[in-house]
């Protein structure tokens, strides 16, 4: 199971509720990408990051 290494986002669990109020288990998975990122010390490493963190600019992608 991949987890965002920036914000810690991972799979969430809950119920899918039908109109008739019957419930079944379901999961919500974050959109996690494996990217080459430049870390604070200047090294380049492949890490798992959710697209929300990528869009917010919390990760500097290595070229």
Protein backbone atom coordinates (compact mmCIF):
# COMPACT_ATOMS: atom_id res chain seq x y z
CA UNK A 1 0.00 0.00 0.00
CA UNK A 2 1.54 3.27 -1.12
CA UNK A 3 1.36 6.28 1.22
CA UNK A 4 2.13 9.90 0.33
CA UNK A 5 5.51 10.61 1.85
CA UNK A 6 4.74 14.33 2.16
CA UNK A 7 1.31 14.48 3.85
CA UNK A 8 0.82 10.83 4.89
CA UNK A 9 -2.37 10.38 2.91
CA UNK A 10 -3.40 6.72 2.50
CA UNK A 11 -6.42 4.56 1.76
CA UNK A 12 -9.58 5.55 3.66
CA UNK A 13 -12.38 3.12 4.51
CA UNK A 14 -16.10 3.65 4.89
CA UNK A 15 -19.54 2.62 3.72
CA UNK A 16 -21.24 2.98 0.37
CA UNK A 17 -24.85 3.92 1.19
CA UNK A 18 -27.56 3.11 -1.35
CA UNK A 19 -30.86 4.97 -1.70
CA UNK A 20 -32.53 2.11 0.22
CA UNK A 21 -30.04 2.71 3.09
CA UNK A 22 -28.26 -0.61 2.58
CA UNK A 23 -24.55 -0.28 3.23
CA UNK A 24 -21.51 -2.05 1.81
CA UNK A 25 -17.86 -1.52 2.62
CA UNK A 26 -15.81 0.59 0.22
CA UNK A 27 -12.45 2.35 0.02
CA UNK A 28 -11.19 5.72 -1.20
CA UNK A 29 -7.69 5.60 -2.64
CA UNK A 30 -5.61 8.76 -3.07
CA UNK A 31 -4.03 9.45 -6.46
CA UNK A 32 -0.43 8.58 -5.59
CA UNK A 33 2.36 8.95 -8.14
CA UNK A 34 5.98 7.78 -8.00
CA UNK A 35 8.11 10.80 -8.91
CA UNK A 36 11.78 11.75 -9.00
CA UNK A 37 11.96 14.56 -6.46
CA UNK A 38 14.77 16.82 -5.35
CA UNK A 39 15.08 16.64 -1.56
CA UNK A 40 16.09 19.48 0.75
CA UNK A 41 19.72 18.34 0.91
CA UNK A 42 19.95 18.44 -2.91
CA UNK A 43 19.82 14.69 -3.60
CA UNK A 44 17.39 13.17 -6.08
CA UNK A 45 15.22 10.27 -4.95
CA UNK A 46 12.10 8.46 -6.15
CA UNK A 47 9.27 8.99 -3.67
CA UNK A 48 5.51 8.40 -3.57
CA UNK A 49 3.56 11.67 -3.61
CA UNK A 50 -0.16 12.37 -3.93
CA UNK A 51 -1.24 14.65 -6.76
CA UNK A 52 -2.61 17.19 -4.28
CA UNK A 53 0.91 17.75 -2.91
CA UNK A 54 2.34 17.92 -6.45
CA UNK A 55 -0.21 20.54 -7.48
CA UNK A 56 0.37 22.57 -4.30
CA UNK A 57 4.10 22.76 -5.04
CA UNK A 58 5.20 20.90 -1.92
CA UNK A 59 7.55 18.77 -4.08
CA UNK A 60 10.24 19.95 -6.48
CA UNK A 61 10.41 17.53 -9.40
CA UNK A 62 13.90 16.65 -10.62
CA UNK A 63 14.55 17.21 -14.32
